[in-house]
Amino acid sequence: MVADAAADIWALGVVAFELMTYEPAFSQLTARREIDDMHLGKRPLPWEAGGEKHARMGELRGMQASVQQCLSHNPGDRPSAADLIAAWDRMFDRGATQRA
């Protein structure tokens, strides 16, 4: 597994999931090898397998599609940092404008 910008975006997606759902993306009992397999698409991610974490993904509301894109198994499908920042800026600026 290569530590590059795409891996950083995947990790940011995991952090965003945790911030938005108030729970860890992976259980403390999840072995590092299992997480690596999930990252590589060899196993479903906890929120892809159904169950409670799958239901919690819906709580991301407007950020769900963006976070899911960050968590894509294929590194080429993940957004660049610049694209992600622009998307999140638009999302949050729009919300601030609507509240004003």
Protein backbone atom coordinates (compact mmCIF):
# COMPACT_ATOMS: atom_id res chain seq x y z
CA MET A 1 0.00 0.00 0.00
CA VAL A 2 1.39 3.38 -1.01
CA ALA A 3 1.18 6.41 1.28
CA ASP A 4 0.26 9.18 -1.14
CA ALA A 5 -2.28 11.97 -1.57
CA ALA A 6 -5.06 9.47 -2.37
CA ALA A 7 -4.36 7.62 0.90
CA ASP A 8 -4.52 10.95 2.74
CA ILE A 9 -7.91 11.69 1.18
CA TRP A 10 -9.16 8.24 2.24
CA ALA A 11 -7.99 8.92 5.80
CA LEU A 12 -9.73 12.30 5.72
CA GLY A 13 -12.92 10.52 4.66
CA VAL A 14 -12.63 8.22 7.68
CA VAL A 15 -12.13 11.21 10.00
CA ALA A 16 -15.09 13.05 8.40
CA PHE A 17 -17.26 9.95 8.91
CA GLU A 18 -16.28 9.86 12.59
CA LEU A 19 -16.85 13.60 13.09
CA MET A 20 -20.27 13.52 11.47
CA THR A 21 -21.57 10.32 13.10
CA TYR A 22 -19.88 10.64 16.52
CA GLU A 23 -18.58 7.09 16.37
CA PRO A 24 -15.39 5.40 15.21
CA ALA A 25 -15.36 4.12 11.65
CA PHE A 26 -13.66 0.93 12.75
CA SER A 27 -14.06 -1.00 15.97
CA GLN A 28 -11.06 -1.29 18.27
CA LEU A 29 -11.21 -5.01 17.57
CA THR A 30 -10.67 -4.50 13.83
CA ALA A 31 -7.22 -5.82 12.94
CA ARG A 32 -4.88 -3.68 10.86
CA ARG A 33 -4.90 -6.35 8.15
CA GLU A 34 -8.70 -6.18 7.93
CA ILE A 35 -8.58 -2.39 7.57
CA ASP A 36 -5.94 -2.74 4.85
CA ASP A 37 -8.18 -5.26 3.05
CA MET A 38 -11.13 -2.85 3.31
CA HIS A 39 -8.99 -0.03 1.96
CA LEU A 40 -7.99 -2.18 -1.01
CA GLY A 41 -11.58 -3.26 -1.69
CA LYS A 42 -11.01 -6.89 -0.66
CA ARG A 43 -13.63 -6.57 2.12
CA PRO A 44 -16.61 -4.25 2.46
CA LEU A 45 -16.15 -1.18 4.61
CA PRO A 46 -18.25 -1.19 7.80
CA TRP A 47 -20.78 1.21 6.28
CA GLU A 48 -21.04 -0.83 3.05
CA ALA A 49 -21.91 -4.07 4.81
CA GLY A 50 -25.27 -2.87 6.15
CA GLY A 51 -26.13 -2.65 9.80
CA GLU A 52 -25.81 0.30 12.15
CA LYS A 53 -22.78 1.95 10.54
CA HIS A 54 -24.49 1.76 7.14
CA ALA A 55 -27.52 3.52 8.60
CA ARG A 56 -25.27 6.15 10.22
CA MET A 57 -23.78 7.05 6.83
CA GLY A 58 -27.12 8.69 6.00
CA GLU A 59 -26.54 11.11 8.87
CA LEU A 60 -23.79 12.77 6.87
CA ARG A 61 -26.58 14.53 4.95
CA GLY A 62 -25.05 16.86 2.36
CA MET A 63 -21.55 15.55 2.94
CA GLN A 64 -22.47 11.90 2.34
CA ALA A 65 -21.58 11.84 -1.36
CA SER A 66 -18.37 13.76 -0.76
CA VAL A 67 -17.27 11.50 2.11
CA GLN A 68 -18.16 8.36 0.12
CA GLN A 69 -16.05 9.67 -2.77
CA CYS A 70 -13.12 10.11 -0.36
CA LEU A 71 -13.62 6.52 0.79
CA SER A 72 -13.62 5.03 -2.70
CA HIS A 73 -11.62 1.80 -2.94
CA ASN A 74 -10.10 3.02 -6.20
CA PRO A 75 -7.59 5.82 -5.47
CA GLY A 76 -8.23 7.30 -8.92
CA ASP A 77 -11.89 7.89 -7.98
CA ARG A 78 -11.01 9.97 -4.92
CA PRO A 79 -11.12 13.75 -5.26
CA SER A 80 -7.98 15.83 -5.21
CA ALA A 81 -7.42 17.97 -2.13
CA ALA A 82 -8.20 21.09 -4.19
CA ASP A 83 -11.46 19.62 -5.51
CA LEU A 84 -12.48 18.50 -2.03
CA ILE A 85 -11.76 21.91 -0.50
CA ALA A 86 -13.73 23.63 -3.27
CA ALA A 87 -16.70 21.27 -2.81
CA TRP A 88 -16.74 21.70 0.96
CA ASP A 89 -16.35 25.48 0.63
CA ARG A 90 -19.37 25.59 -1.69
CA MET A 91 -21.35 23.36 0.65
CA PHE A 92 -20.65 25.38 3.78
CA ASP A 93 -20.79 28.80 2.11
CA ARG A 94 -24.18 27.90 0.63
CA GLY A 95 -25.43 26.89 4.07
CA ALA A 96 -24.20 30.12 5.62
CA THR A 97 -25.89 32.13 2.86
CA GLN A 98 -29.18 30.27 3.32
CA ARG A 99 -29.16 30.92 7.09
CA ALA A 100 -28.43 34.62 6.70
